[in-house]
Amino acid sequence: IPAAAAMLATFLAVFVTVAIRKIGDAKLNAYRLGFLASLTSFFLV
């Protein structure tokens, strides 16, 4: 369980911090959406 918790914590630490960061630039927002969509796919699959 500790290993599984650490792997899941790594995923959430990346996903959540990138998702909640305030970004005003349209290009960076587009890149962020693409990145988070890819991680969402990995998580569900």
PDB file of all heavy atoms in Angstrom:
ATOM      1  N   ILE A   1       0.815  -1.221   0.000  1.00  0.00           N
ATOM      2  CA  ILE A   1       0.000   0.000   0.000  1.00  0.00           C
ATOM      3  C   ILE A   1       0.848   1.270   0.000  1.00  0.00           C
ATOM      4  O   ILE A   1       0.505   2.243  -0.694  1.00  0.00           O
ATOM      5  CB  ILE A   1      -0.962  -0.030   1.201  1.00  0.00           C
ATOM      6  CG1 ILE A   1      -1.985  -1.159   1.023  1.00  0.00           C
ATOM      7  CG2 ILE A   1      -1.682   1.304   1.372  1.00  0.00           C
ATOM      8  CD1 ILE A   1      -2.925  -1.339   2.204  1.00  0.00           C
ATOM      9  N   PRO A   2       1.966   1.355   0.748  1.00  0.00           N
ATOM     10  CA  PRO A   2       2.757   2.591   0.710  1.00  0.00           C
ATOM     11  C   PRO A   2       3.250   2.945  -0.696  1.00  0.00           C
ATOM     12  O   PRO A   2       3.256   4.121  -1.077  1.00  0.00           O
ATOM     13  CB  PRO A   2       3.937   2.287   1.643  1.00  0.00           C
ATOM     14  CG  PRO A   2       3.395   1.275   2.591  1.00  0.00           C
ATOM     15  CD  PRO A   2       2.477   0.416   1.770  1.00  0.00           C
ATOM     16  N   ALA A   3       3.645   1.946  -1.481  1.00  0.00           N
ATOM     17  CA  ALA A   3       4.105   2.217  -2.848  1.00  0.00           C
ATOM     18  C   ALA A   3       2.957   2.723  -3.711  1.00  0.00           C
ATOM     19  O   ALA A   3       3.113   3.680  -4.474  1.00  0.00           O
ATOM     20  CB  ALA A   3       4.715   0.953  -3.463  1.00  0.00           C
ATOM     21  N   ALA A   4       1.789   2.084  -3.593  1.00  0.00           N
ATOM     22  CA  ALA A   4       0.633   2.523  -4.367  1.00  0.00           C
ATOM     23  C   ALA A   4       0.229   3.934  -3.986  1.00  0.00           C
ATOM     24  O   ALA A   4      -0.112   4.759  -4.846  1.00  0.00           O
ATOM     25  CB  ALA A   4      -0.541   1.559  -4.141  1.00  0.00           C
ATOM     26  N   ALA A   5       0.270   4.236  -2.677  1.00  0.00           N
ATOM     27  CA  ALA A   5      -0.080   5.585  -2.216  1.00  0.00           C
ATOM     28  C   ALA A   5       0.912   6.612  -2.752  1.00  0.00           C
ATOM     29  O   ALA A   5       0.529   7.724  -3.143  1.00  0.00           O
ATOM     30  CB  ALA A   5      -0.117   5.617  -0.695  1.00  0.00           C
ATOM     31  N   ALA A   6       2.194   6.265  -2.791  1.00  0.00           N
ATOM     32  CA  ALA A   6       3.208   7.196  -3.290  1.00  0.00           C
ATOM     33  C   ALA A   6       3.034   7.449  -4.786  1.00  0.00           C
ATOM     34  O   ALA A   6       3.173   8.589  -5.251  1.00  0.00           O
ATOM     35  CB  ALA A   6       4.608   6.656  -3.001  1.00  0.00           C
ATOM     36  N   MET A   7       2.722   6.404  -5.553  1.00  0.00           N
ATOM     37  CA  MET A   7       2.517   6.594  -6.993  1.00  0.00           C
ATOM     38  C   MET A   7       1.282   7.451  -7.250  1.00  0.00           C
ATOM     39  O   MET A   7       1.306   8.363  -8.092  1.00  0.00           O
ATOM     40  CB  MET A   7       2.380   5.234  -7.671  1.00  0.00           C
ATOM     41  CG  MET A   7       2.074   5.298  -9.174  1.00  0.00           C
ATOM     42  SD  MET A   7       3.355   6.160 -10.135  1.00  0.00           S
ATOM     43  CE  MET A   7       4.641   4.902 -10.174  1.00  0.00           C
ATOM     44  N   LEU A   8       0.196   7.166  -6.541  1.00  0.00           N
ATOM     45  CA  LEU A   8      -1.022   7.962  -6.717  1.00  0.00           C
ATOM     46  C   LEU A   8      -0.798   9.401  -6.263  1.00  0.00           C
ATOM     47  O   LEU A   8      -1.283  10.347  -6.897  1.00  0.00           O
ATOM     48  CB  LEU A   8      -2.171   7.328  -5.927  1.00  0.00           C
ATOM     49  CG  LEU A   8      -3.551   7.970  -6.108  1.00  0.00           C
ATOM     50  CD1 LEU A   8      -3.984   7.928  -7.576  1.00  0.00           C
ATOM     51  CD2 LEU A   8      -4.583   7.271  -5.232  1.00  0.00           C
ATOM     52  N   ALA A   9      -0.049   9.587  -5.184  1.00  0.00           N
ATOM     53  CA  ALA A   9       0.256  10.938  -4.709  1.00  0.00           C
ATOM     54  C   ALA A   9       1.082  11.708  -5.739  1.00  0.00           C
ATOM     55  O   ALA A   9       0.891  12.917  -5.922  1.00  0.00           O
ATOM     56  CB  ALA A   9       1.003  10.867  -3.378  1.00  0.00           C
ATOM     57  N   THR A  10       1.985  11.012  -6.423  1.00  0.00           N
ATOM     58  CA  THR A  10       2.775  11.669  -7.465  1.00  0.00           C
ATOM     59  C   THR A  10       1.874  12.165  -8.591  1.00  0.00           C
ATOM     60  O   THR A  10       2.001  13.307  -9.050  1.00  0.00           O
ATOM     61  CB  THR A  10       3.823  10.696  -8.024  1.00  0.00           C
ATOM     62  OG1 THR A  10       4.685  10.267  -6.974  1.00  0.00           O
ATOM     63  CG2 THR A  10       4.659  11.360  -9.114  1.00  0.00           C
ATOM     64  N   PHE A  11       0.974  11.298  -9.024  1.00  0.00           N
ATOM     65  CA  PHE A  11       0.054  11.689 -10.093  1.00  0.00           C
ATOM     66  C   PHE A  11      -0.781  12.895  -9.669  1.00  0.00           C
ATOM     67  O   PHE A  11      -0.904  13.877 -10.418  1.00  0.00           O
ATOM     68  CB  PHE A  11      -0.856  10.519 -10.451  1.00  0.00           C
ATOM     69  CG  PHE A  11      -1.838  10.831 -11.543  1.00  0.00           C
ATOM     70  CD1 PHE A  11      -1.496  10.612 -12.870  1.00  0.00           C
ATOM     71  CD2 PHE A  11      -3.085  11.367 -11.266  1.00  0.00           C
ATOM     72  CE1 PHE A  11      -2.386  10.927 -13.890  1.00  0.00           C
ATOM     73  CE2 PHE A  11      -3.976  11.675 -12.267  1.00  0.00           C
ATOM     74  CZ  PHE A  11      -3.632  11.453 -13.590  1.00  0.00           C
ATOM     75  N   LEU A  12      -1.349  12.843  -8.484  1.00  0.00           N
ATOM     76  CA  LEU A  12      -2.206  13.937  -8.018  1.00  0.00           C
ATOM     77  C   LEU A  12      -1.402  15.213  -7.792  1.00  0.00           C
ATOM     78  O   LEU A  12      -1.896  16.323  -8.053  1.00  0.00           O
ATOM     79  CB  LEU A  12      -2.921  13.524  -6.735  1.00  0.00           C
ATOM     80  CG  LEU A  12      -3.949  12.403  -6.881  1.00  0.00           C
ATOM     81  CD1 LEU A  12      -4.515  12.021  -5.522  1.00  0.00           C
ATOM     82  CD2 LEU A  12      -5.070  12.813  -7.839  1.00  0.00           C
ATOM     83  N   ALA A  13      -0.169  15.084  -7.296  1.00  0.00           N
ATOM     84  CA  ALA A  13       0.655  16.264  -7.059  1.00  0.00           C
ATOM     85  C   ALA A  13       0.937  17.007  -8.360  1.00  0.00           C
ATOM     86  O   ALA A  13       0.978  18.242  -8.389  1.00  0.00           O
ATOM     87  CB  ALA A  13       1.969  15.863  -6.382  1.00  0.00           C
ATOM     88  N   VAL A  14       1.125  16.256  -9.447  1.00  0.00           N
ATOM     89  CA  VAL A  14       1.342  16.894 -10.751  1.00  0.00           C
ATOM     90  C   VAL A  14       0.027  17.445 -11.295  1.00  0.00           C
ATOM     91  O   VAL A  14      -0.074  18.621 -11.667  1.00  0.00           O
ATOM     92  CB  VAL A  14       1.960  15.889 -11.757  1.00  0.00           C
ATOM     93  CG1 VAL A  14       2.033  16.510 -13.142  1.00  0.00           C
ATOM     94  CG2 VAL A  14       3.344  15.447 -11.292  1.00  0.00           C
ATOM     95  N   PHE A  15      -0.991  16.607 -11.339  1.00  0.00           N
ATOM     96  CA  PHE A  15      -2.258  16.978 -11.971  1.00  0.00           C
ATOM     97  C   PHE A  15      -2.892  18.186 -11.274  1.00  0.00           C
ATOM     98  O   PHE A  15      -3.281  19.165 -11.920  1.00  0.00           O
ATOM     99  CB  PHE A  15      -3.211  15.790 -11.945  1.00  0.00           C
ATOM    100  CG  PHE A  15      -4.443  15.973 -12.785  1.00  0.00           C
ATOM    101  CD1 PHE A  15      -4.505  15.450 -14.063  1.00  0.00           C
ATOM    102  CD2 PHE A  15      -5.548  16.673 -12.312  1.00  0.00           C
ATOM    103  CE1 PHE A  15      -5.634  15.618 -14.850  1.00  0.00           C
ATOM    104  CE2 PHE A  15      -6.682  16.850 -13.086  1.00  0.00           C
ATOM    105  CZ  PHE A  15      -6.726  16.325 -14.366  1.00  0.00           C
ATOM    106  N   VAL A  16      -3.012  18.113  -9.961  1.00  0.00           N
ATOM    107  CA  VAL A  16      -3.737  19.158  -9.231  1.00  0.00           C
ATOM    108  C   VAL A  16      -2.988  20.485  -9.255  1.00  0.00           C
ATOM    109  O   VAL A  16      -3.592  21.539  -9.491  1.00  0.00           O
ATOM    110  CB  VAL A  16      -3.999  18.704  -7.780  1.00  0.00           C
ATOM    111  CG1 VAL A  16      -4.620  19.834  -6.961  1.00  0.00           C
ATOM    112  CG2 VAL A  16      -4.915  17.482  -7.767  1.00  0.00           C
ATOM    113  N   THR A  17      -1.681  20.452  -9.031  1.00  0.00           N
ATOM    114  CA  THR A  17      -0.939  21.719  -8.998  1.00  0.00           C
ATOM    115  C   THR A  17      -0.947  22.414 -10.354  1.00  0.00           C
ATOM    116  O   THR A  17      -1.051  23.638 -10.430  1.00  0.00           O
ATOM    117  CB  THR A  17       0.508  21.489  -8.540  1.00  0.00           C
ATOM    118  OG1 THR A  17       1.116  20.464  -9.356  1.00  0.00           O
ATOM    119  CG2 THR A  17       0.564  21.064  -7.084  1.00  0.00           C
ATOM    120  N   VAL A  18      -0.841  21.650 -11.421  1.00  0.00           N
ATOM    121  CA  VAL A  18      -0.903  22.253 -12.756  1.00  0.00           C
ATOM    122  C   VAL A  18      -2.318  22.745 -13.049  1.00  0.00           C
ATOM    123  O   VAL A  18      -2.517  23.820 -13.619  1.00  0.00           O
ATOM    124  CB  VAL A  18      -0.445  21.245 -13.835  1.00  0.00           C
ATOM    125  CG1 VAL A  18      -0.712  21.795 -15.237  1.00  0.00           C
ATOM    126  CG2 VAL A  18       1.034  20.926 -13.675  1.00  0.00           C
ATOM    127  N   ALA A  19      -3.323  21.983 -12.620  1.00  0.00           N
ATOM    128  CA  ALA A  19      -4.708  22.345 -12.917  1.00  0.00           C
ATOM    129  C   ALA A  19      -5.143  23.618 -12.205  1.00  0.00           C
ATOM    130  O   ALA A  19      -5.886  24.429 -12.766  1.00  0.00           O
ATOM    131  CB  ALA A  19      -5.641  21.195 -12.550  1.00  0.00           C
ATOM    132  N   ILE A  20      -4.707  23.813 -10.964  1.00  0.00           N
ATOM    133  CA  ILE A  20      -5.205  24.952 -10.184  1.00  0.00           C
ATOM    134  C   ILE A  20      -4.367  26.208 -10.354  1.00  0.00           C
ATOM    135  O   ILE A  20      -4.760  27.266  -9.878  1.00  0.00           O
ATOM    136  CB  ILE A  20      -5.289  24.595  -8.683  1.00  0.00           C
ATOM    137  CG1 ILE A  20      -3.891  24.357  -8.106  1.00  0.00           C
ATOM    138  CG2 ILE A  20      -6.194  23.402  -8.459  1.00  0.00           C
ATOM    139  CD1 ILE A  20      -3.885  24.112  -6.604  1.00  0.00           C
ATOM    140  N   ARG A  21      -3.225  26.092 -11.017  1.00  0.00           N
ATOM    141  CA  ARG A  21      -2.404  27.285 -11.188  1.00  0.00           C
ATOM    142  C   ARG A  21      -3.112  28.299 -12.085  1.00  0.00           C
ATOM    143  O   ARG A  21      -3.652  27.959 -13.135  1.00  0.00           O
ATOM    144  CB  ARG A  21      -1.057  26.920 -11.810  1.00  0.00           C
ATOM    145  CG  ARG A  21      -0.090  28.083 -11.692  1.00  0.00           C
ATOM    146  CD  ARG A  21       0.995  28.084 -12.728  1.00  0.00           C
ATOM    147  NE  ARG A  21       1.666  29.386 -12.676  1.00  0.00           N
ATOM    148  CZ  ARG A  21       2.407  29.886 -13.651  1.00  0.00           C
ATOM    149  NH1 ARG A  21       2.553  29.198 -14.759  1.00  0.00           N
ATOM    150  NH2 ARG A  21       2.965  31.046 -13.538  1.00  0.00           N
ATOM    151  N   LYS A  22      -3.131  29.552 -11.660  1.00  0.00           N
ATOM    152  CA  LYS A  22      -3.784  30.601 -12.437  1.00  0.00           C
ATOM    153  C   LYS A  22      -2.874  31.031 -13.580  1.00  0.00           C
ATOM    154  O   LYS A  22      -1.749  31.465 -13.362  1.00  0.00           O
ATOM    155  CB  LYS A  22      -4.121  31.796 -11.548  1.00  0.00           C
ATOM    156  CG  LYS A  22      -5.190  31.486 -10.515  1.00  0.00           C
ATOM    157  CD  LYS A  22      -5.582  32.719  -9.723  1.00  0.00           C
ATOM    158  CE  LYS A  22      -6.695  32.386  -8.725  1.00  0.00           C
ATOM    159  NZ  LYS A  22      -7.098  33.575  -7.932  1.00  0.00           N
ATOM    160  N   ILE A  23      -3.372  30.902 -14.801  1.00  0.00           N
ATOM    161  CA  ILE A  23      -2.618  31.252 -16.003  1.00  0.00           C
ATOM    162  C   ILE A  23      -3.485  32.164 -16.857  1.00  0.00           C
ATOM    163  O   ILE A  23      -4.620  31.829 -17.178  1.00  0.00           O
ATOM    164  CB  ILE A  23      -2.220  29.994 -16.805  1.00  0.00           C
ATOM    165  CG1 ILE A  23      -1.291  29.101 -15.982  1.00  0.00           C
ATOM    166  CG2 ILE A  23      -1.550  30.380 -18.117  1.00  0.00           C
ATOM    167  CD1 ILE A  23      -0.915  27.803 -16.671  1.00  0.00           C
ATOM    168  N   GLY A  24      -2.969  33.331 -17.202  1.00  0.00           N
ATOM    169  CA  GLY A  24      -3.731  34.268 -18.017  1.00  0.00           C
ATOM    170  C   GLY A  24      -3.421  34.181 -19.495  1.00  0.00           C
ATOM    171  O   GLY A  24      -4.167  34.726 -20.310  1.00  0.00           O
ATOM    172  N   ASP A  25      -2.331  33.503 -19.854  1.00  0.00           N
ATOM    173  CA  ASP A  25      -1.918  33.434 -21.254  1.00  0.00           C
ATOM    174  C   ASP A  25      -2.697  32.353 -21.987  1.00  0.00           C
ATOM    175  O   ASP A  25      -2.780  31.202 -21.537  1.00  0.00           O
ATOM    176  CB  ASP A  25      -0.419  33.134 -21.321  1.00  0.00           C
ATOM    177  CG  ASP A  25       0.105  33.183 -22.743  1.00  0.00           C
ATOM    178  OD1 ASP A  25       0.435  34.266 -23.218  1.00  0.00           O
ATOM    179  OD2 ASP A  25       0.165  32.101 -23.360  1.00  0.00           O
ATOM    180  N   ALA A  26      -3.297  32.696 -23.132  1.00  0.00           N
ATOM    181  CA  ALA A  26      -4.146  31.754 -23.868  1.00  0.00           C
ATOM    182  C   ALA A  26      -3.357  30.545 -24.363  1.00  0.00           C
ATOM    183  O   ALA A  26      -3.856  29.415 -24.337  1.00  0.00           O
ATOM    184  CB  ALA A  26      -4.814  32.462 -25.047  1.00  0.00           C
ATOM    185  N   LYS A  27      -2.124  30.765 -24.797  1.00  0.00           N
ATOM    186  CA  LYS A  27      -1.333  29.648 -25.322  1.00  0.00           C
ATOM    187  C   LYS A  27      -0.982  28.662 -24.213  1.00  0.00           C
ATOM    188  O   LYS A  27      -1.119  27.443 -24.385  1.00  0.00           O
ATOM    189  CB  LYS A  27      -0.064  30.172 -25.973  1.00  0.00           C
ATOM    190  CG  LYS A  27       0.838  29.074 -26.519  1.00  0.00           C
ATOM    191  CD  LYS A  27       1.986  29.654 -27.307  1.00  0.00           C
ATOM    192  CE  LYS A  27       2.842  28.541 -27.900  1.00  0.00           C
ATOM    193  NZ  LYS A  27       3.915  29.054 -28.765  1.00  0.00           N
ATOM    194  N   LEU A  28      -0.569  29.188 -23.066  1.00  0.00           N
ATOM    195  CA  LEU A  28      -0.250  28.295 -21.955  1.00  0.00           C
ATOM    196  C   LEU A  28      -1.483  27.545 -21.486  1.00  0.00           C
ATOM    197  O   LEU A  28      -1.402  26.379 -21.102  1.00  0.00           O
ATOM    198  CB  LEU A  28       0.345  29.102 -20.798  1.00  0.00           C
ATOM    199  CG  LEU A  28       1.763  29.638 -20.993  1.00  0.00           C
ATOM    200  CD1 LEU A  28       2.209  30.392 -19.755  1.00  0.00           C
ATOM    201  CD2 LEU A  28       2.742  28.524 -21.316  1.00  0.00           C
ATOM    202  N   ASN A  29      -2.631  28.193 -21.500  1.00  0.00           N
ATOM    203  CA  ASN A  29      -3.867  27.510 -21.124  1.00  0.00           C
ATOM    204  C   ASN A  29      -4.181  26.366 -22.084  1.00  0.00           C
ATOM    205  O   ASN A  29      -4.639  25.303 -21.673  1.00  0.00           O
ATOM    206  CB  ASN A  29      -5.031  28.503 -21.103  1.00  0.00           C
ATOM    207  CG  ASN A  29      -5.253  29.084 -19.719  1.00  0.00           C
ATOM    208  OD1 ASN A  29      -5.367  28.358 -18.744  1.00  0.00           O
ATOM    209  ND2 ASN A  29      -5.289  30.387 -19.626  1.00  0.00           N
ATOM    210  N   ALA A  30      -3.950  26.589 -23.370  1.00  0.00           N
ATOM    211  CA  ALA A  30      -4.173  25.528 -24.353  1.00  0.00           C
ATOM    212  C   ALA A  30      -3.221  24.358 -24.123  1.00  0.00           C
ATOM    213  O   ALA A  30      -3.629  23.191 -24.155  1.00  0.00           O
ATOM    214  CB  ALA A  30      -4.000  26.089 -25.763  1.00  0.00           C
ATOM    215  N   TYR A  31      -1.954  24.670 -23.876  1.00  0.00           N
ATOM    216  CA  TYR A  31      -0.971  23.616 -23.630  1.00  0.00           C
ATOM    217  C   TYR A  31      -1.328  22.850 -22.358  1.00  0.00           C
ATOM    218  O   TYR A  31      -1.170  21.627 -22.288  1.00  0.00           O
ATOM    219  CB  TYR A  31       0.426  24.208 -23.509  1.00  0.00           C
ATOM    220  CG  TYR A  31       1.093  24.522 -24.835  1.00  0.00           C
ATOM    221  CD1 TYR A  31       0.356  25.011 -25.907  1.00  0.00           C
ATOM    222  CD2 TYR A  31       2.453  24.340 -25.014  1.00  0.00           C
ATOM    223  CE1 TYR A  31       0.965  25.308 -27.116  1.00  0.00           C
ATOM    224  CE2 TYR A  31       3.075  24.622 -26.221  1.00  0.00           C
ATOM    225  CZ  TYR A  31       2.323  25.108 -27.278  1.00  0.00           C
ATOM    226  OH  TYR A  31       2.918  25.390 -28.471  1.00  0.00           O
ATOM    227  N   ARG A  32      -1.783  23.580 -21.335  1.00  0.00           N
ATOM    228  CA  ARG A  32      -2.165  22.912 -20.091  1.00  0.00           C
ATOM    229  C   ARG A  32      -3.339  21.969 -20.313  1.00  0.00           C
ATOM    230  O   ARG A  32      -3.343  20.849 -19.779  1.00  0.00           O
ATOM    231  CB  ARG A  32      -2.528  23.952 -19.028  1.00  0.00           C
ATOM    232  CG  ARG A  32      -3.128  23.318 -17.777  1.00  0.00           C
ATOM    233  CD  ARG A  32      -3.248  24.266 -16.623  1.00  0.00           C
ATOM    234  NE  ARG A  32      -4.142  25.380 -16.883  1.00  0.00           N
ATOM    235  CZ  ARG A  32      -4.412  26.323 -15.990  1.00  0.00           C
ATOM    236  NH1 ARG A  32      -3.824  26.283 -14.803  1.00  0.00           N
ATOM    237  NH2 ARG A  32      -5.228  27.315 -16.294  1.00  0.00           N
ATOM    238  N   LEU A  33      -4.333  22.395 -21.070  1.00  0.00           N
ATOM    239  CA  LEU A  33      -5.479  21.528 -21.327  1.00  0.00           C
ATOM    240  C   LEU A  33      -5.045  20.236 -22.017  1.00  0.00           C
ATOM    241  O   LEU A  33      -5.492  19.144 -21.675  1.00  0.00           O
ATOM    242  CB  LEU A  33      -6.517  22.264 -22.178  1.00  0.00           C
ATOM    243  CG  LEU A  33      -7.757  21.446 -22.561  1.00  0.00           C
ATOM    244  CD1 LEU A  33      -8.512  20.975 -21.325  1.00  0.00           C
ATOM    245  CD2 LEU A  33      -8.673  22.247 -23.476  1.00  0.00           C
ATOM    246  N   GLY A  34      -4.155  20.357 -23.002  1.00  0.00           N
ATOM    247  CA  GLY A  34      -3.656  19.163 -23.685  1.00  0.00           C
ATOM    248  C   GLY A  34      -2.919  18.231 -22.747  1.00  0.00           C
ATOM    249  O   GLY A  34      -3.095  17.006 -22.785  1.00  0.00           O
ATOM    250  N   PHE A  35      -2.100  18.798 -21.884  1.00  0.00           N
ATOM    251  CA  PHE A  35      -1.336  18.000 -20.922  1.00  0.00           C
ATOM    252  C   PHE A  35      -2.263  17.282 -19.946  1.00  0.00           C
ATOM    253  O   PHE A  35      -2.127  16.072 -19.700  1.00  0.00           O
ATOM    254  CB  PHE A  35      -0.365  18.916 -20.165  1.00  0.00           C
ATOM    255  CG  PHE A  35       0.307  18.277 -18.986  1.00  0.00           C
ATOM    256  CD1 PHE A  35       1.240  17.267 -19.169  1.00  0.00           C
ATOM    257  CD2 PHE A  35       0.015  18.682 -17.689  1.00  0.00           C
ATOM    258  CE1 PHE A  35       1.874  16.668 -18.090  1.00  0.00           C
ATOM    259  CE2 PHE A  35       0.640  18.097 -16.604  1.00  0.00           C
ATOM    260  CZ  PHE A  35       1.561  17.087 -16.800  1.00  0.00           C
ATOM    261  N   LEU A  36      -3.225  17.992 -19.381  1.00  0.00           N
ATOM    262  CA  LEU A  36      -4.140  17.392 -18.408  1.00  0.00           C
ATOM    263  C   LEU A  36      -5.058  16.366 -19.063  1.00  0.00           C
ATOM    264  O   LEU A  36      -5.415  15.361 -18.430  1.00  0.00           O
ATOM    265  CB  LEU A  36      -4.959  18.484 -17.720  1.00  0.00           C
ATOM    266  CG  LEU A  36      -4.168  19.451 -16.836  1.00  0.00           C
ATOM    267  CD1 LEU A  36      -5.090  20.506 -16.238  1.00  0.00           C
ATOM    268  CD2 LEU A  36      -3.423  18.703 -15.734  1.00  0.00           C
ATOM    269  N   ALA A  37      -5.454  16.605 -20.301  1.00  0.00           N
ATOM    270  CA  ALA A  37      -6.270  15.618 -21.010  1.00  0.00           C
ATOM    271  C   ALA A  37      -5.495  14.317 -21.183  1.00  0.00           C
ATOM    272  O   ALA A  37      -6.047  13.217 -21.017  1.00  0.00           O
ATOM    273  CB  ALA A  37      -6.709  16.169 -22.364  1.00  0.00           C
ATOM    274  N   SER A  38      -4.217  14.414 -21.501  1.00  0.00           N
ATOM    275  CA  SER A  38      -3.388  13.215 -21.657  1.00  0.00           C
ATOM    276  C   SER A  38      -3.262  12.458 -20.344  1.00  0.00           C
ATOM    277  O   SER A  38      -3.393  11.222 -20.309  1.00  0.00           O
ATOM    278  CB  SER A  38      -2.001  13.615 -22.171  1.00  0.00           C
ATOM    279  OG  SER A  38      -1.167  12.481 -22.318  1.00  0.00           O
ATOM    280  N   LEU A  39      -3.025  13.180 -19.242  1.00  0.00           N
ATOM    281  CA  LEU A  39      -2.925  12.515 -17.943  1.00  0.00           C
ATOM    282  C   LEU A  39      -4.252  11.878 -17.541  1.00  0.00           C
ATOM    283  O   LEU A  39      -4.274  10.814 -16.913  1.00  0.00           O
ATOM    284  CB  LEU A  39      -2.477  13.508 -16.868  1.00  0.00           C
ATOM    285  CG  LEU A  39      -1.037  14.005 -16.930  1.00  0.00           C
ATOM    286  CD1 LEU A  39      -0.669  14.724 -15.636  1.00  0.00           C
ATOM    287  CD2 LEU A  39      -0.049  12.881 -17.203  1.00  0.00           C
ATOM    288  N   THR A  40      -5.362  12.525 -17.889  1.00  0.00           N
ATOM    289  CA  THR A  40      -6.673  11.947 -17.604  1.00  0.00           C
ATOM    290  C   THR A  40      -6.835  10.600 -18.299  1.00  0.00           C
ATOM    291  O   THR A  40      -7.350   9.632 -17.730  1.00  0.00           O
ATOM    292  CB  THR A  40      -7.791  12.901 -18.052  1.00  0.00           C
ATOM    293  OG1 THR A  40      -7.675  14.136 -17.338  1.00  0.00           O
ATOM    294  CG2 THR A  40      -9.165  12.300 -17.792  1.00  0.00           C
ATOM    295  N   SER A  41      -6.378  10.530 -19.538  1.00  0.00           N
ATOM    296  CA  SER A  41      -6.437   9.272 -20.277  1.00  0.00           C
ATOM    297  C   SER A  41      -5.619   8.192 -19.582  1.00  0.00           C
ATOM    298  O   SER A  41      -6.093   7.067 -19.373  1.00  0.00           O
ATOM    299  CB  SER A  41      -5.932   9.483 -21.709  1.00  0.00           C
ATOM    300  OG  SER A  41      -5.894   8.262 -22.422  1.00  0.00           O
ATOM    301  N   PHE A  42      -4.392   8.513 -19.209  1.00  0.00           N
ATOM    302  CA  PHE A  42      -3.555   7.537 -18.512  1.00  0.00           C
ATOM    303  C   PHE A  42      -4.211   7.071 -17.219  1.00  0.00           C
ATOM    304  O   PHE A  42      -4.189   5.873 -16.892  1.00  0.00           O
ATOM    305  CB  PHE A  42      -2.185   8.153 -18.195  1.00  0.00           C
ATOM    306  CG  PHE A  42      -1.184   8.047 -19.303  1.00  0.00           C
ATOM    307  CD1 PHE A  42      -0.651   9.185 -19.892  1.00  0.00           C
ATOM    308  CD2 PHE A  42      -0.748   6.817 -19.746  1.00  0.00           C
ATOM    309  CE1 PHE A  42       0.285   9.095 -20.908  1.00  0.00           C
ATOM    310  CE2 PHE A  42       0.193   6.702 -20.764  1.00  0.00           C
ATOM    311  CZ  PHE A  42       0.711   7.856 -21.347  1.00  0.00           C
ATOM    312  N   PHE A  43      -4.787   8.014 -16.478  1.00  0.00           N
ATOM    313  CA  PHE A  43      -5.386   7.659 -15.185  1.00  0.00           C
ATOM    314  C   PHE A  43      -6.553   6.693 -15.360  1.00  0.00           C
ATOM    315  O   PHE A  43      -6.633   5.676 -14.663  1.00  0.00           O
ATOM    316  CB  PHE A  43      -5.852   8.930 -14.475  1.00  0.00           C
ATOM    317  CG  PHE A  43      -6.499   8.662 -13.143  1.00  0.00           C
ATOM    318  CD1 PHE A  43      -5.728   8.375 -12.030  1.00  0.00           C
ATOM    319  CD2 PHE A  43      -7.878   8.677 -13.007  1.00  0.00           C
ATOM    320  CE1 PHE A  43      -6.320   8.112 -10.792  1.00  0.00           C
ATOM    321  CE2 PHE A  43      -8.484   8.421 -11.783  1.00  0.00           C
ATOM    322  CZ  PHE A  43      -7.703   8.141 -10.677  1.00  0.00           C
ATOM    323  N   LEU A  44      -7.453   7.005 -16.266  1.00  0.00           N
ATOM    324  CA  LEU A  44      -8.625   6.158 -16.456  1.00  0.00           C
ATOM    325  C   LEU A  44      -8.251   4.791 -17.022  1.00  0.00           C
ATOM    326  O   LEU A  44      -8.736   3.750 -16.558  1.00  0.00           O
ATOM    327  CB  LEU A  44      -9.625   6.854 -17.379  1.00  0.00           C
ATOM    328  CG  LEU A  44     -10.294   8.118 -16.814  1.00  0.00           C
ATOM    329  CD1 LEU A  44     -11.208   8.741 -17.858  1.00  0.00           C
ATOM    330  CD2 LEU A  44     -11.071   7.801 -15.548  1.00  0.00           C
ATOM    331  N   VAL A  45      -7.389   4.793 -18.012  1.00  0.00           N
ATOM    332  CA  VAL A  45      -6.997   3.530 -18.642  1.00  0.00           C
ATOM    333  C   VAL A  45      -6.246   2.643 -17.648  1.00  0.00           C
ATOM    334  O   VAL A  45      -6.324   1.414 -17.711  1.00  0.00           O
ATOM    335  CB  VAL A  45      -6.151   3.796 -19.901  1.00  0.00           C
ATOM    336  CG1 VAL A  45      -5.629   2.497 -20.498  1.00  0.00           C
ATOM    337  CG2 VAL A  45      -6.968   4.547 -20.941  1.00  0.00           C
TER     338      VAL A  45
END
